[in-house]
Amino acid sequence: MQMLQQISLFAMLSLLVGVVPAVMGTGYAIWPSETKLALMRPLSLASIFSGLAGCVIGLINTLRMAAMENVPLTSPGAVIGIAESLVPLLVAFGSLTAAWLLVAVGMKRKG
């Protein structure tokens, strides 16, 4: 929870957008409809791009910090920054995996 208090608004937004497809996938698994299924494609793309943007902004901030403080990228602070910049990708792709598995459940129920 301490990390969530320190992340930027952009990082929080990229994590939130990354989770949206899983919410929609849950809705589709419970109440399958063509409208929800049609929304999955653009929401999936938004999740992918949000995860990539969150990762890139994290890498930019880490590289900027390393350059400004004249520390090597192998320093603990830089390595932690690089590791934390991968979190939006993990959230986005994990959410997409769950979302599309839920869509498969909804398709089985509908068909």
PDB file of N, CA and C in Angstrom:
ATOM      1  N   MET A   1       0.813  -1.202   0.000  1.00  0.00           N
ATOM      2  CA  MET A   1       0.000   0.000   0.000  1.00  0.00           C
ATOM      3  C   MET A   1       0.857   1.267   0.000  1.00  0.00           C
ATOM      4  N   GLN A   2       2.047   1.177   0.586  1.00  0.00           N
ATOM      5  CA  GLN A   2       2.921   2.338   0.623  1.00  0.00           C
ATOM      6  C   GLN A   2       3.316   2.773  -0.784  1.00  0.00           C
ATOM      7  N   MET A   3       3.529   1.797  -1.678  1.00  0.00           N
ATOM      8  CA  MET A   3       3.905   2.129  -3.046  1.00  0.00           C
ATOM      9  C   MET A   3       2.773   2.873  -3.752  1.00  0.00           C
ATOM     10  N   LEU A   4       1.513   2.488  -3.481  1.00  0.00           N
ATOM     11  CA  LEU A   4       0.392   3.157  -4.123  1.00  0.00           C
ATOM     12  C   LEU A   4       0.269   4.608  -3.682  1.00  0.00           C
ATOM     13  N   GLN A   5       0.761   4.933  -2.503  1.00  0.00           N
ATOM     14  CA  GLN A   5       0.717   6.320  -2.032  1.00  0.00           C
ATOM     15  C   GLN A   5       1.753   7.183  -2.745  1.00  0.00           C
ATOM     16  N   GLN A   6       2.772   6.565  -3.310  1.00  0.00           N
ATOM     17  CA  GLN A   6       3.867   7.316  -3.914  1.00  0.00           C
ATOM     18  C   GLN A   6       3.806   7.382  -5.436  1.00  0.00           C
ATOM     19  N   ILE A   7       2.891   6.651  -6.074  1.00  0.00           N
ATOM     20  CA  ILE A   7       2.882   6.649  -7.533  1.00  0.00           C
ATOM     21  C   ILE A   7       2.182   7.889  -8.074  1.00  0.00           C
ATOM     22  N   SER A   8       2.521   8.241  -9.283  1.00  0.00           N
ATOM     23  CA  SER A   8       1.951   9.437  -9.902  1.00  0.00           C
ATOM     24  C   SER A   8       0.512   9.188 -10.365  1.00  0.00           C
ATOM     25  N   LEU A   9      -0.158  10.272 -10.690  1.00  0.00           N
ATOM     26  CA  LEU A   9      -1.524  10.182 -11.196  1.00  0.00           C
ATOM     27  C   LEU A   9      -1.559   9.390 -12.506  1.00  0.00           C
ATOM     28  N   PHE A  10      -0.555   9.593 -13.367  1.00  0.00           N
ATOM     29  CA  PHE A  10      -0.499   8.870 -14.637  1.00  0.00           C
ATOM     30  C   PHE A  10      -0.342   7.372 -14.403  1.00  0.00           C
ATOM     31  N   ALA A  11       0.515   7.004 -13.445  1.00  0.00           N
ATOM     32  CA  ALA A  11       0.702   5.586 -13.144  1.00  0.00           C
ATOM     33  C   ALA A  11      -0.582   4.978 -12.589  1.00  0.00           C
ATOM     34  N   MET A  12      -1.267   5.708 -11.735  1.00  0.00           N
ATOM     35  CA  MET A  12      -2.533   5.222 -11.182  1.00  0.00           C
ATOM     36  C   MET A  12      -3.567   5.043 -12.293  1.00  0.00           C
ATOM     37  N   LEU A  13      -3.615   5.987 -13.226  1.00  0.00           N
ATOM     38  CA  LEU A  13      -4.549   5.893 -14.344  1.00  0.00           C
ATOM     39  C   LEU A  13      -4.217   4.710 -15.240  1.00  0.00           C
ATOM     40  N   SER A  14      -2.934   4.475 -15.491  1.00  0.00           N
ATOM     41  CA  SER A  14      -2.557   3.351 -16.355  1.00  0.00           C
ATOM     42  C   SER A  14      -2.903   2.018 -15.690  1.00  0.00           C
ATOM     43  N   LEU A  15      -2.793   1.941 -14.374  1.00  0.00           N
ATOM     44  CA  LEU A  15      -3.199   0.723 -13.668  1.00  0.00           C
ATOM     45  C   LEU A  15      -4.710   0.540 -13.715  1.00  0.00           C
ATOM     46  N   LEU A  16      -5.447   1.634 -13.556  1.00  0.00           N
ATOM     47  CA  LEU A  16      -6.910   1.565 -13.589  1.00  0.00           C
ATOM     48  C   LEU A  16      -7.412   1.128 -14.964  1.00  0.00           C
ATOM     49  N   VAL A  17      -6.869   1.711 -16.019  1.00  0.00           N
ATOM     50  CA  VAL A  17      -7.271   1.335 -17.378  1.00  0.00           C
ATOM     51  C   VAL A  17      -6.894  -0.113 -17.661  1.00  0.00           C
ATOM     52  N   GLY A  18      -5.798  -0.562 -17.090  1.00  0.00           N
ATOM     53  CA  GLY A  18      -5.369  -1.944 -17.289  1.00  0.00           C
ATOM     54  C   GLY A  18      -6.327  -2.972 -16.714  1.00  0.00           C
ATOM     55  N   VAL A  19      -7.097  -2.586 -15.693  1.00  0.00           N
ATOM     56  CA  VAL A  19      -8.012  -3.515 -15.023  1.00  0.00           C
ATOM     57  C   VAL A  19      -9.408  -3.519 -15.661  1.00  0.00           C
ATOM     58  N   VAL A  20      -9.733  -2.501 -16.430  1.00  0.00           N
ATOM     59  CA  VAL A  20     -11.080  -2.371 -17.003  1.00  0.00           C
ATOM     60  C   VAL A  20     -11.514  -3.591 -17.828  1.00  0.00           C
ATOM     61  N   PRO A  21     -10.664  -4.180 -18.681  1.00  0.00           N
ATOM     62  CA  PRO A  21     -11.120  -5.347 -19.439  1.00  0.00           C
ATOM     63  C   PRO A  21     -11.540  -6.527 -18.555  1.00  0.00           C
ATOM     64  N   ALA A  22     -10.885  -6.705 -17.422  1.00  0.00           N
ATOM     65  CA  ALA A  22     -11.274  -7.801 -16.521  1.00  0.00           C
ATOM     66  C   ALA A  22     -12.672  -7.560 -15.956  1.00  0.00           C
ATOM     67  N   VAL A  23     -12.982  -6.308 -15.674  1.00  0.00           N
ATOM     68  CA  VAL A  23     -14.325  -5.967 -15.183  1.00  0.00           C
ATOM     69  C   VAL A  23     -15.354  -6.240 -16.272  1.00  0.00           C
ATOM     70  N   MET A  24     -15.055  -5.834 -17.496  1.00  0.00           N
ATOM     71  CA  MET A  24     -15.973  -6.074 -18.607  1.00  0.00           C
ATOM     72  C   MET A  24     -16.090  -7.569 -18.892  1.00  0.00           C
ATOM     73  N   GLY A  25     -14.988  -8.294 -18.804  1.00  0.00           N
ATOM     74  CA  GLY A  25     -15.019  -9.742 -19.010  1.00  0.00           C
ATOM     75  C   GLY A  25     -15.889 -10.429 -17.965  1.00  0.00           C
ATOM     76  N   THR A  26     -15.830  -9.960 -16.733  1.00  0.00           N
ATOM     77  CA  THR A  26     -16.689 -10.501 -15.675  1.00  0.00           C
ATOM     78  C   THR A  26     -18.150 -10.242 -16.003  1.00  0.00           C
ATOM     79  N   GLY A  27     -18.433  -9.023 -16.444  1.00  0.00           N
ATOM     80  CA  GLY A  27     -19.803  -8.702 -16.839  1.00  0.00           C
ATOM     81  C   GLY A  27     -20.293  -9.570 -17.981  1.00  0.00           C
ATOM     82  N   TYR A  28     -19.423  -9.836 -18.929  1.00  0.00           N
ATOM     83  CA  TYR A  28     -19.803 -10.680 -20.063  1.00  0.00           C
ATOM     84  C   TYR A  28     -20.006 -12.125 -19.627  1.00  0.00           C
ATOM     85  N   ALA A  29     -19.181 -12.605 -18.713  1.00  0.00           N
ATOM     86  CA  ALA A  29     -19.330 -13.993 -18.238  1.00  0.00           C
ATOM     87  C   ALA A  29     -20.658 -14.180 -17.509  1.00  0.00           C
ATOM     88  N   ILE A  30     -21.109 -13.139 -16.807  1.00  0.00           N
ATOM     89  CA  ILE A  30     -22.367 -13.231 -16.055  1.00  0.00           C
ATOM     90  C   ILE A  30     -23.563 -12.974 -16.951  1.00  0.00           C
ATOM     91  N   TRP A  31     -23.510 -11.904 -17.737  1.00  0.00           N
ATOM     92  CA  TRP A  31     -24.611 -11.533 -18.638  1.00  0.00           C
ATOM     93  C   TRP A  31     -24.070 -11.350 -20.057  1.00  0.00           C
ATOM     94  N   PRO A  32     -23.897 -12.422 -20.815  1.00  0.00           N
ATOM     95  CA  PRO A  32     -23.334 -12.296 -22.167  1.00  0.00           C
ATOM     96  C   PRO A  32     -24.241 -11.482 -23.094  1.00  0.00           C
ATOM     97  N   SER A  33     -23.626 -10.544 -23.808  1.00  0.00           N
ATOM     98  CA  SER A  33     -24.361  -9.779 -24.821  1.00  0.00           C
ATOM     99  C   SER A  33     -23.371  -9.350 -25.904  1.00  0.00           C
ATOM    100  N   GLU A  34     -23.892  -9.123 -27.090  1.00  0.00           N
ATOM    101  CA  GLU A  34     -23.050  -8.703 -28.216  1.00  0.00           C
ATOM    102  C   GLU A  34     -22.416  -7.339 -27.960  1.00  0.00           C
ATOM    103  N   THR A  35     -23.105  -6.468 -27.249  1.00  0.00           N
ATOM    104  CA  THR A  35     -22.571  -5.136 -26.959  1.00  0.00           C
ATOM    105  C   THR A  35     -21.321  -5.238 -26.094  1.00  0.00           C
ATOM    106  N   LYS A  36     -21.398  -6.059 -25.052  1.00  0.00           N
ATOM    107  CA  LYS A  36     -20.228  -6.226 -24.176  1.00  0.00           C
ATOM    108  C   LYS A  36     -19.073  -6.882 -24.922  1.00  0.00           C
ATOM    109  N   LEU A  37     -19.394  -7.849 -25.755  1.00  0.00           N
ATOM    110  CA  LEU A  37     -18.348  -8.515 -26.522  1.00  0.00           C
ATOM    111  C   LEU A  37     -17.698  -7.537 -27.502  1.00  0.00           C
ATOM    112  N   ALA A  38     -18.488  -6.669 -28.115  1.00  0.00           N
ATOM    113  CA  ALA A  38     -17.945  -5.681 -29.053  1.00  0.00           C
ATOM    114  C   ALA A  38     -17.034  -4.676 -28.342  1.00  0.00           C
ATOM    115  N   LEU A  39     -17.290  -4.400 -27.074  1.00  0.00           N
ATOM    116  CA  LEU A  39     -16.457  -3.470 -26.321  1.00  0.00           C
ATOM    117  C   LEU A  39     -15.124  -4.075 -25.883  1.00  0.00           C
ATOM    118  N   MET A  40     -15.037  -5.391 -25.882  1.00  0.00           N
ATOM    119  CA  MET A  40     -13.813  -6.032 -25.398  1.00  0.00           C
ATOM    120  C   MET A  40     -12.594  -5.703 -26.264  1.00  0.00           C
ATOM    121  N   ARG A  41     -12.784  -5.604 -27.566  1.00  0.00           N
ATOM    122  CA  ARG A  41     -11.637  -5.318 -28.440  1.00  0.00           C
ATOM    123  C   ARG A  41     -11.033  -3.938 -28.175  1.00  0.00           C
ATOM    124  N   PRO A  42     -11.826  -2.857 -28.192  1.00  0.00           N
ATOM    125  CA  PRO A  42     -11.218  -1.548 -27.907  1.00  0.00           C
ATOM    126  C   PRO A  42     -10.710  -1.429 -26.467  1.00  0.00           C
ATOM    127  N   LEU A  43     -11.387  -2.065 -25.514  1.00  0.00           N
ATOM    128  CA  LEU A  43     -10.904  -2.024 -24.137  1.00  0.00           C
ATOM    129  C   LEU A  43      -9.594  -2.800 -23.996  1.00  0.00           C
ATOM    130  N   SER A  44      -9.457  -3.885 -24.739  1.00  0.00           N
ATOM    131  CA  SER A  44      -8.205  -4.649 -24.720  1.00  0.00           C
ATOM    132  C   SER A  44      -7.057  -3.823 -25.279  1.00  0.00           C
ATOM    133  N   LEU A  45      -7.309  -3.148 -26.372  1.00  0.00           N
ATOM    134  CA  LEU A  45      -6.275  -2.275 -26.950  1.00  0.00           C
ATOM    135  C   LEU A  45      -5.914  -1.144 -25.996  1.00  0.00           C
ATOM    136  N   ALA A  46      -6.921  -0.555 -25.359  1.00  0.00           N
ATOM    137  CA  ALA A  46      -6.655   0.513 -24.393  1.00  0.00           C
ATOM    138  C   ALA A  46      -5.806  -0.005 -23.238  1.00  0.00           C
ATOM    139  N   SER A  47      -6.080  -1.214 -22.793  1.00  0.00           N
ATOM    140  CA  SER A  47      -5.311  -1.812 -21.699  1.00  0.00           C
ATOM    141  C   SER A  47      -3.857  -2.043 -22.118  1.00  0.00           C
ATOM    142  N   ILE A  48      -3.658  -2.550 -23.314  1.00  0.00           N
ATOM    143  CA  ILE A  48      -2.298  -2.790 -23.811  1.00  0.00           C
ATOM    144  C   ILE A  48      -1.529  -1.475 -23.912  1.00  0.00           C
ATOM    145  N   PHE A  49      -2.131  -0.480 -24.530  1.00  0.00           N
ATOM    146  CA  PHE A  49      -1.445   0.799 -24.704  1.00  0.00           C
ATOM    147  C   PHE A  49      -1.224   1.499 -23.370  1.00  0.00           C
ATOM    148  N   SER A  50      -2.154   1.373 -22.459  1.00  0.00           N
ATOM    149  CA  SER A  50      -2.005   1.964 -21.138  1.00  0.00           C
ATOM    150  C   SER A  50      -0.850   1.306 -20.382  1.00  0.00           C
ATOM    151  N   GLY A  51      -0.766  -0.024 -20.458  1.00  0.00           N
ATOM    152  CA  GLY A  51       0.337  -0.728 -19.809  1.00  0.00           C
ATOM    153  C   GLY A  51       1.684  -0.338 -20.399  1.00  0.00           C
ATOM    154  N   LEU A  52       1.736  -0.234 -21.714  1.00  0.00           N
ATOM    155  CA  LEU A  52       2.987   0.179 -22.370  1.00  0.00           C
ATOM    156  C   LEU A  52       3.365   1.607 -21.997  1.00  0.00           C
ATOM    157  N   ALA A  53       2.388   2.501 -21.999  1.00  0.00           N
ATOM    158  CA  ALA A  53       2.665   3.895 -21.646  1.00  0.00           C
ATOM    159  C   ALA A  53       3.113   4.007 -20.193  1.00  0.00           C
ATOM    160  N   GLY A  54       2.465   3.262 -19.295  1.00  0.00           N
ATOM    161  CA  GLY A  54       2.871   3.276 -17.893  1.00  0.00           C
ATOM    162  C   GLY A  54       4.282   2.758 -17.709  1.00  0.00           C
ATOM    163  N   CYS A  55       4.633   1.721 -18.443  1.00  0.00           N
ATOM    164  CA  CYS A  55       5.986   1.166 -18.372  1.00  0.00           C
ATOM    165  C   CYS A  55       7.009   2.168 -18.902  1.00  0.00           C
ATOM    166  N   VAL A  56       6.713   2.778 -20.020  1.00  0.00           N
ATOM    167  CA  VAL A  56       7.647   3.732 -20.625  1.00  0.00           C
ATOM    168  C   VAL A  56       7.842   4.951 -19.729  1.00  0.00           C
ATOM    169  N   ILE A  57       6.767   5.479 -19.151  1.00  0.00           N
ATOM    170  CA  ILE A  57       6.930   6.648 -18.282  1.00  0.00           C
ATOM    171  C   ILE A  57       7.733   6.286 -17.041  1.00  0.00           C
ATOM    172  N   GLY A  58       7.572   5.061 -16.547  1.00  0.00           N
ATOM    173  CA  GLY A  58       8.386   4.612 -15.422  1.00  0.00           C
ATOM    174  C   GLY A  58       9.853   4.514 -15.785  1.00  0.00           C
ATOM    175  N   LEU A  59      10.135   3.982 -16.975  1.00  0.00           N
ATOM    176  CA  LEU A  59      11.521   3.900 -17.434  1.00  0.00           C
ATOM    177  C   LEU A  59      12.120   5.289 -17.656  1.00  0.00           C
ATOM    178  N   ILE A  60      11.325   6.188 -18.214  1.00  0.00           N
ATOM    179  CA  ILE A  60      11.798   7.561 -18.427  1.00  0.00           C
ATOM    180  C   ILE A  60      12.166   8.201 -17.091  1.00  0.00           C
ATOM    181  N   ASN A  61      11.285   8.055 -16.115  1.00  0.00           N
ATOM    182  CA  ASN A  61      11.552   8.653 -14.805  1.00  0.00           C
ATOM    183  C   ASN A  61      12.776   8.031 -14.135  1.00  0.00           C
ATOM    184  N   THR A  62      12.951   6.728 -14.283  1.00  0.00           N
ATOM    185  CA  THR A  62      14.116   6.067 -13.695  1.00  0.00           C
ATOM    186  C   THR A  62      15.403   6.522 -14.369  1.00  0.00           C
ATOM    187  N   LEU A  63      15.399   6.585 -15.696  1.00  0.00           N
ATOM    188  CA  LEU A  63      16.594   7.048 -16.415  1.00  0.00           C
ATOM    189  C   LEU A  63      16.914   8.504 -16.087  1.00  0.00           C
ATOM    190  N   ARG A  64      15.878   9.304 -15.954  1.00  0.00           N
ATOM    191  CA  ARG A  64      16.066  10.721 -15.599  1.00  0.00           C
ATOM    192  C   ARG A  64      16.683  10.843 -14.208  1.00  0.00           C
ATOM    193  N   MET A  65      16.168  10.068 -13.254  1.00  0.00           N
ATOM    194  CA  MET A  65      16.706  10.086 -11.898  1.00  0.00           C
ATOM    195  C   MET A  65      18.172   9.652 -11.895  1.00  0.00           C
ATOM    196  N   ALA A  66      18.475   8.591 -12.621  1.00  0.00           N
ATOM    197  CA  ALA A  66      19.848   8.083 -12.666  1.00  0.00           C
ATOM    198  C   ALA A  66      20.792   9.132 -13.270  1.00  0.00           C
ATOM    199  N   ALA A  67      20.340   9.816 -14.290  1.00  0.00           N
ATOM    200  CA  ALA A  67      21.181  10.829 -14.929  1.00  0.00           C
ATOM    201  C   ALA A  67      21.362  12.055 -14.033  1.00  0.00           C
ATOM    202  N   MET A  68      20.283  12.486 -13.401  1.00  0.00           N
ATOM    203  CA  MET A  68      20.360  13.691 -12.559  1.00  0.00           C
ATOM    204  C   MET A  68      21.197  13.466 -11.302  1.00  0.00           C
ATOM    205  N   GLU A  69      21.127  12.260 -10.746  1.00  0.00           N
ATOM    206  CA  GLU A  69      21.875  11.973  -9.521  1.00  0.00           C
ATOM    207  C   GLU A  69      23.226  11.316  -9.819  1.00  0.00           C
ATOM    208  N   ASN A  70      23.508  11.131 -11.096  1.00  0.00           N
ATOM    209  CA  ASN A  70      24.774  10.539 -11.535  1.00  0.00           C
ATOM    210  C   ASN A  70      25.035   9.181 -10.872  1.00  0.00           C
ATOM    211  N   VAL A  71      24.020   8.327 -10.923  1.00  0.00           N
ATOM    212  CA  VAL A  71      24.157   6.978 -10.361  1.00  0.00           C
ATOM    213  C   VAL A  71      24.074   5.973 -11.510  1.00  0.00           C
ATOM    214  N   PRO A  72      24.769   4.852 -11.380  1.00  0.00           N
ATOM    215  CA  PRO A  72      24.690   3.833 -12.439  1.00  0.00           C
ATOM    216  C   PRO A  72      23.339   3.133 -12.426  1.00  0.00           C
ATOM    217  N   LEU A  73      22.973   2.596 -13.561  1.00  0.00           N
ATOM    218  CA  LEU A  73      21.697   1.878 -13.652  1.00  0.00           C
ATOM    219  C   LEU A  73      21.702   0.580 -12.855  1.00  0.00           C
ATOM    220  N   THR A  74      22.863   0.185 -12.363  1.00  0.00           N
ATOM    221  CA  THR A  74      22.939  -1.015 -11.532  1.00  0.00           C
ATOM    222  C   THR A  74      22.780  -0.701 -10.046  1.00  0.00           C
ATOM    223  N   SER A  75      22.583   0.572  -9.707  1.00  0.00           N
ATOM    224  CA  SER A  75      22.385   0.937  -8.302  1.00  0.00           C
ATOM    225  C   SER A  75      21.018   0.429  -7.836  1.00  0.00           C
ATOM    226  N   PRO A  76      20.878   0.169  -6.543  1.00  0.00           N
ATOM    227  CA  PRO A  76      19.593  -0.361  -6.043  1.00  0.00           C
ATOM    228  C   PRO A  76      18.394   0.522  -6.395  1.00  0.00           C
ATOM    229  N   GLY A  77      18.544   1.837  -6.291  1.00  0.00           N
ATOM    230  CA  GLY A  77      17.426   2.732  -6.612  1.00  0.00           C
ATOM    231  C   GLY A  77      16.989   2.628  -8.060  1.00  0.00           C
ATOM    232  N   ALA A  78      17.963   2.551  -8.968  1.00  0.00           N
ATOM    233  CA  ALA A  78      17.630   2.445 -10.388  1.00  0.00           C
ATOM    234  C   ALA A  78      17.001   1.095 -10.707  1.00  0.00           C
ATOM    235  N   VAL A  79      17.518   0.043 -10.114  1.00  0.00           N
ATOM    236  CA  VAL A  79      16.965  -1.292 -10.367  1.00  0.00           C
ATOM    237  C   VAL A  79      15.533  -1.382  -9.845  1.00  0.00           C
ATOM    238  N   ILE A  80      15.273  -0.796  -8.671  1.00  0.00           N
ATOM    239  CA  ILE A  80      13.906  -0.780  -8.131  1.00  0.00           C
ATOM    240  C   ILE A  80      12.996   0.017  -9.054  1.00  0.00           C
ATOM    241  N   GLY A  81      13.482   1.147  -9.563  1.00  0.00           N
ATOM    242  CA  GLY A  81      12.683   1.951 -10.489  1.00  0.00           C
ATOM    243  C   GLY A  81      12.341   1.199 -11.761  1.00  0.00           C
ATOM    244  N   ILE A  82      13.306   0.472 -12.287  1.00  0.00           N
ATOM    245  CA  ILE A  82      13.069  -0.318 -13.498  1.00  0.00           C
ATOM    246  C   ILE A  82      12.055  -1.426 -13.206  1.00  0.00           C
ATOM    247  N   ALA A  83      12.217  -2.077 -12.052  1.00  0.00           N
ATOM    248  CA  ALA A  83      11.273  -3.145 -11.683  1.00  0.00           C
ATOM    249  C   ALA A  83       9.865  -2.588 -11.498  1.00  0.00           C
ATOM    250  N   GLU A  84       9.743  -1.440 -10.845  1.00  0.00           N
ATOM    251  CA  GLU A  84       8.426  -0.850 -10.638  1.00  0.00           C
ATOM    252  C   GLU A  84       7.798  -0.380 -11.937  1.00  0.00           C
ATOM    253  N   SER A  85       8.619  -0.026 -12.925  1.00  0.00           N
ATOM    254  CA  SER A  85       8.063   0.428 -14.197  1.00  0.00           C
ATOM    255  C   SER A  85       7.407  -0.722 -14.964  1.00  0.00           C
ATOM    256  N   LEU A  86       7.723  -1.953 -14.605  1.00  0.00           N
ATOM    257  CA  LEU A  86       7.111  -3.111 -15.261  1.00  0.00           C
ATOM    258  C   LEU A  86       5.740  -3.465 -14.686  1.00  0.00           C
ATOM    259  N   VAL A  87       5.377  -2.878 -13.558  1.00  0.00           N
ATOM    260  CA  VAL A  87       4.102  -3.204 -12.908  1.00  0.00           C
ATOM    261  C   VAL A  87       2.893  -2.926 -13.810  1.00  0.00           C
ATOM    262  N   PRO A  88       2.808  -1.769 -14.491  1.00  0.00           N
ATOM    263  CA  PRO A  88       1.640  -1.554 -15.361  1.00  0.00           C
ATOM    264  C   PRO A  88       1.491  -2.623 -16.449  1.00  0.00           C
ATOM    265  N   LEU A  89       2.609  -3.110 -16.981  1.00  0.00           N
ATOM    266  CA  LEU A  89       2.532  -4.182 -17.980  1.00  0.00           C
ATOM    267  C   LEU A  89       1.989  -5.463 -17.361  1.00  0.00           C
ATOM    268  N   LEU A  90       2.465  -5.790 -16.182  1.00  0.00           N
ATOM    269  CA  LEU A  90       1.978  -6.985 -15.489  1.00  0.00           C
ATOM    270  C   LEU A  90       0.485  -6.887 -15.219  1.00  0.00           C
ATOM    271  N   VAL A  91       0.040  -5.747 -14.738  1.00  0.00           N
ATOM    272  CA  VAL A  91      -1.382  -5.558 -14.447  1.00  0.00           C
ATOM    273  C   VAL A  91      -2.202  -5.648 -15.728  1.00  0.00           C
ATOM    274  N   ALA A  92      -1.750  -4.979 -16.781  1.00  0.00           N
ATOM    275  CA  ALA A  92      -2.503  -4.970 -18.039  1.00  0.00           C
ATOM    276  C   ALA A  92      -2.604  -6.370 -18.643  1.00  0.00           C
ATOM    277  N   PHE A  93      -1.481  -7.069 -18.750  1.00  0.00           N
ATOM    278  CA  PHE A  93      -1.513  -8.385 -19.386  1.00  0.00           C
ATOM    279  C   PHE A  93      -2.173  -9.433 -18.501  1.00  0.00           C
ATOM    280  N   GLY A  94      -2.007  -9.324 -17.200  1.00  0.00           N
ATOM    281  CA  GLY A  94      -2.723 -10.228 -16.294  1.00  0.00           C
ATOM    282  C   GLY A  94      -4.219 -10.018 -16.379  1.00  0.00           C
ATOM    283  N   SER A  95      -4.626  -8.757 -16.437  1.00  0.00           N
ATOM    284  CA  SER A  95      -6.047  -8.425 -16.563  1.00  0.00           C
ATOM    285  C   SER A  95      -6.609  -8.922 -17.892  1.00  0.00           C
ATOM    286  N   LEU A  96      -5.840  -8.760 -18.962  1.00  0.00           N
ATOM    287  CA  LEU A  96      -6.304  -9.227 -20.265  1.00  0.00           C
ATOM    288  C   LEU A  96      -6.447 -10.743 -20.301  1.00  0.00           C
ATOM    289  N   THR A  97      -5.525 -11.435 -19.662  1.00  0.00           N
ATOM    290  CA  THR A  97      -5.623 -12.892 -19.601  1.00  0.00           C
ATOM    291  C   THR A  97      -6.913 -13.307 -18.906  1.00  0.00           C
ATOM    292  N   ALA A  98      -7.150 -12.719 -17.751  1.00  0.00           N
ATOM    293  CA  ALA A  98      -8.374 -13.037 -17.005  1.00  0.00           C
ATOM    294  C   ALA A  98      -9.616 -12.632 -17.794  1.00  0.00           C
ATOM    295  N   ALA A  99      -9.564 -11.457 -18.423  1.00  0.00           N
ATOM    296  CA  ALA A  99     -10.724 -10.960 -19.158  1.00  0.00           C
ATOM    297  C   ALA A  99     -11.122 -11.901 -20.288  1.00  0.00           C
ATOM    298  N   TRP A 100     -10.137 -12.339 -21.075  1.00  0.00           N
ATOM    299  CA  TRP A 100     -10.472 -13.190 -22.215  1.00  0.00           C
ATOM    300  C   TRP A 100     -10.853 -14.601 -21.786  1.00  0.00           C
ATOM    301  N   LEU A 101     -10.342 -15.052 -20.653  1.00  0.00           N
ATOM    302  CA  LEU A 101     -10.825 -16.331 -20.120  1.00  0.00           C
ATOM    303  C   LEU A 101     -12.283 -16.206 -19.674  1.00  0.00           C
ATOM    304  N   LEU A 102     -12.631 -15.064 -19.086  1.00  0.00           N
ATOM    305  CA  LEU A 102     -14.023 -14.829 -18.700  1.00  0.00           C
ATOM    306  C   LEU A 102     -14.927 -14.700 -19.925  1.00  0.00           C
ATOM    307  N   VAL A 103     -14.411 -14.101 -20.994  1.00  0.00           N
ATOM    308  CA  VAL A 103     -15.180 -14.036 -22.241  1.00  0.00           C
ATOM    309  C   VAL A 103     -15.440 -15.441 -22.772  1.00  0.00           C
ATOM    310  N   ALA A 104     -14.435 -16.298 -22.672  1.00  0.00           N
ATOM    311  CA  ALA A 104     -14.623 -17.687 -23.124  1.00  0.00           C
ATOM    312  C   ALA A 104     -15.710 -18.370 -22.296  1.00  0.00           C
ATOM    313  N   VAL A 105     -15.747 -18.119 -21.009  1.00  0.00           N
ATOM    314  CA  VAL A 105     -16.799 -18.686 -20.155  1.00  0.00           C
ATOM    315  C   VAL A 105     -18.159 -18.139 -20.589  1.00  0.00           C
ATOM    316  N   GLY A 106     -18.220 -16.826 -20.855  1.00  0.00           N
ATOM    317  CA  GLY A 106     -19.478 -16.229 -21.307  1.00  0.00           C
ATOM    318  C   GLY A 106     -19.938 -16.788 -22.636  1.00  0.00           C
ATOM    319  N   MET A 107     -19.010 -17.037 -23.559  1.00  0.00           N
ATOM    320  CA  MET A 107     -19.371 -17.606 -24.861  1.00  0.00           C
ATOM    321  C   MET A 107     -19.894 -19.030 -24.683  1.00  0.00           C
ATOM    322  N   LYS A 108     -19.296 -19.747 -23.770  1.00  0.00           N
ATOM    323  CA  LYS A 108     -19.774 -21.123 -23.508  1.00  0.00           C
ATOM    324  C   LYS A 108     -21.197 -21.083 -22.933  1.00  0.00           C
ATOM    325  N   ARG A 109     -21.429 -20.152 -22.046  1.00  0.00           N
ATOM    326  CA  ARG A 109     -22.769 -20.025 -21.447  1.00  0.00           C
ATOM    327  C   ARG A 109     -23.807 -19.573 -22.482  1.00  0.00           C
ATOM    328  N   LYS A 110     -23.387 -18.665 -23.362  1.00  0.00           N
ATOM    329  CA  LYS A 110     -24.310 -18.109 -24.363  1.00  0.00           C
ATOM    330  C   LYS A 110     -24.634 -19.136 -25.439  1.00  0.00           C
ATOM    331  N   GLY A 111     -23.623 -19.909 -25.827  1.00  0.00           N
ATOM    332  CA  GLY A 111     -23.780 -20.850 -26.942  1.00  0.00           C
ATOM    333  C   GLY A 111     -24.305 -22.132 -26.510  1.00  0.00           C
TER     334      GLY A 111
END
